[in-house]
Amino acid sequence: MLGIKTPPRKPDVDEAEKPFWISYSDLMTALMVLFLVAMSVSLFSITQEVISGPEAHRHKVDACMIEVDSMTRRDFPGVEVKGHSISFGTLALFSTNKHKLDPAAEIVLRTYVPKVLNLARSKGCSAVFKRVIVEGFASQSGTYLHNLNLSLQRAERVICALLTPTEAGALSDADRRDVRNLFLVGGSSFNALKPSDAESQRIELKLEFLAYGEEREIIRDAPLDQTLLCPLDK
């Protein structure tokens, strides 16, 4: 008996060329993975920026103070940098109940301050430098308010010594303008006393720096004062 031969099955036309279609669930899973990767990268970048921004700013401040300290140690023996404060020690002391400085002390100030201003204008410091507080001090002798006023007068005396255009070692107009615009005065009565009354009758310069993200204040442009007499001497 003859068998009936079944013709071989023909392969589907272009079966090998059919495109591969991913399932809907697999597609959504892949998109979710891509989204999570993108979010992780973005969050990492933002976190690094938040962490490194203040850190980089602090390094700039530290580098600026290192320059000030190095200059001070090299050129001004007897002047000491502690943190952000500059103490003139015995080079700028006041007599008891007096706010006048001797001429030698004024020359030290007029020599030192322009060097600090030059550093403040330098590339490394200019982005973070804010201002200088001239702080006067008094001994524990006398009443609180009397010493507070005396310490403020001592700080003001420093400004007068720096702004005078006629004394020995007078600052340039550019430096005098920066002193006027960037220097503030402060006073301490019984604060930060030294072991002896004589050592307490002193002044310090305290350098202040911009906080991270802080905007620099706009300074009014005005001509320098033409009055040469310090108000303390009227």
Protein backbone atom coordinates (compact mmCIF):
# COMPACT_ATOMS: atom_id res chain seq x y z
CA MET A 1 0.00 0.00 0.00
CA LEU A 2 1.49 3.26 -1.09
CA GLY A 3 1.85 5.88 1.66
CA ILE A 4 0.80 9.40 1.10
CA LYS A 5 3.80 11.64 1.24
CA THR A 6 3.29 14.87 3.09
CA PRO A 7 5.24 17.70 1.50
CA PRO A 8 7.83 19.20 3.82
CA ARG A 9 6.73 22.31 5.68
CA LYS A 10 8.04 25.44 4.11
CA PRO A 11 9.63 27.90 6.46
CA ASP A 12 7.75 31.12 7.04
CA VAL A 13 8.82 33.77 4.65
CA ASP A 14 11.46 36.09 6.15
CA GLU A 15 11.09 34.44 9.57
CA ALA A 16 14.72 35.26 10.41
CA GLU A 17 14.19 38.91 9.53
CA LYS A 18 11.28 39.49 11.87
CA PRO A 19 12.08 42.30 14.36
CA PHE A 20 12.50 41.53 18.08
CA TRP A 21 9.80 43.19 20.16
CA ILE A 22 10.47 43.67 23.86
CA SER A 23 7.55 43.07 26.11
CA TYR A 24 5.81 46.07 27.70
CA SER A 25 6.84 45.05 31.21
CA ASP A 26 10.49 44.65 30.18
CA LEU A 27 10.40 48.04 28.49
CA MET A 28 9.05 49.72 31.62
CA THR A 29 11.67 47.97 33.76
CA ALA A 30 14.47 49.18 31.49
CA LEU A 31 13.15 52.74 31.53
CA MET A 32 12.90 52.65 35.31
CA VAL A 33 16.52 51.48 35.59
CA LEU A 34 17.67 54.28 33.29
CA PHE A 35 15.70 56.79 35.33
CA LEU A 36 17.23 55.59 38.59
CA VAL A 37 20.74 55.72 37.12
CA ALA A 38 20.19 59.27 35.87
CA MET A 39 18.77 60.35 39.23
CA SER A 40 21.70 58.77 41.09
CA VAL A 41 24.23 60.59 38.91
CA SER A 42 22.40 63.91 39.35
CA LEU A 43 22.11 63.53 43.12
CA PHE A 44 25.78 62.60 43.36
CA SER A 45 26.80 65.69 41.38
CA ILE A 46 24.60 67.98 43.49
CA THR A 47 25.87 66.44 46.73
CA GLN A 48 29.49 66.80 45.65
CA GLU A 49 28.90 70.44 44.73
CA VAL A 50 27.26 71.20 48.10
CA ILE A 51 30.08 69.49 49.98
CA SER A 52 32.99 70.80 47.92
CA GLY A 53 31.70 74.40 47.65
CA PRO A 54 32.08 75.38 51.32
CA GLU A 55 35.19 73.23 51.60
CA ALA A 56 36.86 75.00 48.67
CA HIS A 57 35.82 78.35 50.13
CA ARG A 58 37.36 77.47 53.50
CA HIS A 59 40.59 76.43 51.79
CA LYS A 60 40.77 79.85 50.10
CA VAL A 61 40.37 81.60 53.46
CA ASP A 62 43.02 79.38 55.05
CA ALA A 63 45.40 79.97 52.14
CA CYS A 64 44.92 83.73 52.46
CA MET A 65 45.73 83.66 56.18
CA ILE A 66 48.81 81.53 55.49
CA GLU A 67 50.05 84.28 53.16
CA VAL A 68 49.40 86.94 55.80
CA ASP A 69 51.16 84.87 58.45
CA SER A 70 54.17 84.18 56.21
CA MET A 71 54.55 87.86 55.32
CA THR A 72 54.25 88.84 58.99
CA ARG A 73 56.83 86.35 60.21
CA ARG A 74 59.25 87.34 57.47
CA ASP A 75 59.00 91.13 57.59
CA PHE A 76 57.63 92.07 61.03
CA PRO A 77 59.24 90.34 64.00
CA GLY A 78 57.17 91.06 67.08
CA VAL A 79 53.84 91.08 65.20
CA GLU A 80 51.89 87.87 65.71
CA VAL A 81 49.09 86.24 63.73
CA LYS A 82 46.67 84.11 65.74
CA GLY A 83 43.78 82.68 63.79
CA HIS A 84 42.36 85.67 61.91
CA SER A 85 43.75 88.22 64.40
CA ILE A 86 46.95 90.23 64.13
CA SER A 87 48.47 91.44 67.39
CA PHE A 88 51.18 94.12 67.43
CA GLY A 89 52.28 93.28 70.95
CA THR A 90 54.73 95.80 72.40
CA LEU A 91 55.11 97.50 69.01
CA ALA A 92 51.82 99.38 69.47
CA LEU A 93 50.97 99.86 73.14
CA PHE A 94 49.21 102.82 74.74
CA SER A 95 50.02 104.66 77.93
CA THR A 96 47.57 104.32 80.80
CA ASN A 97 44.31 106.18 80.12
CA LYS A 98 45.70 107.52 76.81
CA HIS A 99 44.67 106.96 73.20
CA LYS A 100 47.76 108.36 71.46
CA LEU A 101 50.41 106.18 69.82
CA ASP A 102 54.07 107.11 69.69
CA PRO A 103 55.44 107.96 66.19
CA ALA A 104 57.39 104.67 65.94
CA ALA A 105 54.20 102.65 66.49
CA GLU A 106 52.36 104.68 63.84
CA ILE A 107 55.15 104.00 61.34
CA VAL A 108 54.89 100.27 62.05
CA LEU A 109 51.16 100.41 61.30
CA ARG A 110 51.66 102.46 58.13
CA THR A 111 54.26 99.97 56.95
CA TYR A 112 52.35 96.83 57.83
CA VAL A 113 48.81 97.65 56.67
CA PRO A 114 49.68 98.29 52.98
CA LYS A 115 51.22 94.81 52.81
CA VAL A 116 48.01 93.31 54.16
CA LEU A 117 46.00 95.31 51.63
CA ASN A 118 48.23 94.06 48.81
CA LEU A 119 47.55 90.49 49.88
CA ALA A 120 43.82 91.22 50.16
CA ARG A 121 43.85 92.38 46.54
CA SER A 122 45.78 89.33 45.35
CA LYS A 123 44.17 86.61 43.27
CA GLY A 124 44.13 84.15 46.15
CA CYS A 125 42.53 86.46 48.74
CA SER A 126 40.35 88.90 46.81
CA ALA A 127 37.52 86.41 46.28
CA VAL A 128 37.03 85.81 50.02
CA PHE A 129 38.39 88.88 51.83
CA LYS A 130 35.71 91.07 53.40
CA ARG A 131 37.09 93.70 55.81
CA VAL A 132 39.32 94.49 58.79
CA ILE A 133 38.14 95.24 62.31
CA VAL A 134 40.52 97.47 64.28
CA GLU A 135 39.90 96.48 67.88
CA GLY A 136 41.17 98.53 70.80
CA PHE A 137 41.68 97.14 74.29
CA ALA A 138 41.98 98.60 77.77
CA SER A 139 43.23 97.35 81.11
CA GLN A 140 40.93 96.36 83.96
CA SER A 141 41.61 99.65 85.75
CA GLY A 142 38.66 102.04 85.57
CA THR A 143 34.96 101.57 84.95
CA TYR A 144 33.49 99.47 82.18
CA LEU A 145 32.08 102.38 80.13
CA HIS A 146 35.22 104.46 80.56
CA ASN A 147 37.38 101.62 79.28
CA LEU A 148 34.95 100.87 76.47
CA ASN A 149 35.16 104.45 75.26
CA LEU A 150 38.95 104.48 75.67
CA SER A 151 39.33 101.28 73.66
CA LEU A 152 37.19 102.73 70.86
CA GLN A 153 39.35 105.85 70.84
CA ARG A 154 42.45 103.70 70.56
CA ALA A 155 40.97 101.91 67.55
CA GLU A 156 40.02 105.26 66.02
CA ARG A 157 43.57 106.51 66.61
CA VAL A 158 44.84 103.67 64.41
CA ILE A 159 42.51 104.77 61.60
CA CYS A 160 43.73 108.35 61.96
CA ALA A 161 47.34 107.18 61.77
CA LEU A 162 46.59 105.23 58.59
CA LEU A 163 44.61 107.97 56.86
CA THR A 164 46.99 110.87 57.46
CA PRO A 165 48.59 111.93 54.15
CA THR A 166 51.36 114.05 55.67
CA GLU A 167 53.20 111.93 58.25
CA ALA A 168 56.24 109.72 57.62
CA GLY A 169 55.42 106.63 55.56
CA ALA A 170 51.99 107.95 54.56
CA LEU A 171 49.84 105.46 52.63
CA SER A 172 49.06 105.89 48.95
CA ASP A 173 45.67 107.29 48.00
CA ALA A 174 44.58 103.81 46.90
CA ASP A 175 45.53 102.31 50.25
CA ARG A 176 43.93 105.17 52.18
CA ARG A 177 40.73 104.66 50.22
CA ASP A 178 40.75 100.94 51.06
CA VAL A 179 41.33 101.73 54.74
CA ARG A 180 38.34 104.06 54.68
CA ASN A 181 36.14 101.55 52.87
CA LEU A 182 37.22 98.27 54.47
CA PHE A 183 38.28 99.10 58.04
CA LEU A 184 35.85 99.25 60.97
CA VAL A 185 36.57 100.05 64.62
CA GLY A 186 35.59 98.07 67.69
CA GLY A 187 36.39 98.25 71.38
CA SER A 188 36.70 95.89 74.33
CA SER A 189 36.51 96.99 77.93
CA PHE A 190 37.36 94.10 80.26
CA ASN A 191 37.55 91.53 77.46
CA ALA A 192 40.66 89.60 76.39
CA LEU A 193 42.82 90.95 79.19
CA LYS A 194 46.55 90.23 79.23
CA PRO A 195 48.54 89.29 82.36
CA SER A 196 49.55 92.90 82.97
CA ASP A 197 47.75 96.22 82.50
CA ALA A 198 50.46 97.44 80.14
CA GLU A 199 50.00 94.45 77.79
CA SER A 200 46.22 94.92 77.83
CA GLN A 201 46.50 98.48 76.48
CA ARG A 202 46.87 97.40 72.88
CA ILE A 203 45.20 97.12 69.50
CA GLU A 204 44.58 94.18 67.17
CA LEU A 205 43.53 93.83 63.55
CA LYS A 206 40.94 91.14 62.91
CA LEU A 207 40.53 90.01 59.32
CA GLU A 208 37.00 89.05 58.31
CA PHE A 209 36.10 86.93 55.30
CA LEU A 210 32.95 86.44 53.28
CA ALA A 211 30.83 83.46 54.26
CA TYR A 212 30.21 80.87 51.55
CA GLY A 213 27.63 82.30 49.18
CA GLU A 214 27.66 85.73 50.85
CA GLU A 215 27.34 88.70 48.51
CA ARG A 216 29.92 91.45 48.76
CA GLU A 217 28.56 94.77 50.01
CA ILE A 218 28.45 97.66 47.56
CA ILE A 219 30.77 100.43 48.73
CA ARG A 220 29.85 104.02 47.98
CA ASP A 221 32.42 105.69 45.80
CA ALA A 222 33.39 109.04 47.31
CA PRO A 223 36.48 111.24 47.33
CA LEU A 224 38.88 111.03 50.24
CA ASP A 225 38.34 113.44 53.10
CA GLN A 226 40.36 116.60 52.81
CA THR A 227 40.35 117.21 56.58
CA LEU A 228 43.79 116.32 57.89
CA LEU A 229 43.13 116.71 61.61
CA CYS A 230 42.10 113.59 63.55
CA PRO A 231 38.84 114.27 65.45
CA LEU A 232 40.51 112.92 68.59
CA ASP A 233 42.89 115.88 68.52
CA LYS A 234 40.25 118.62 68.39
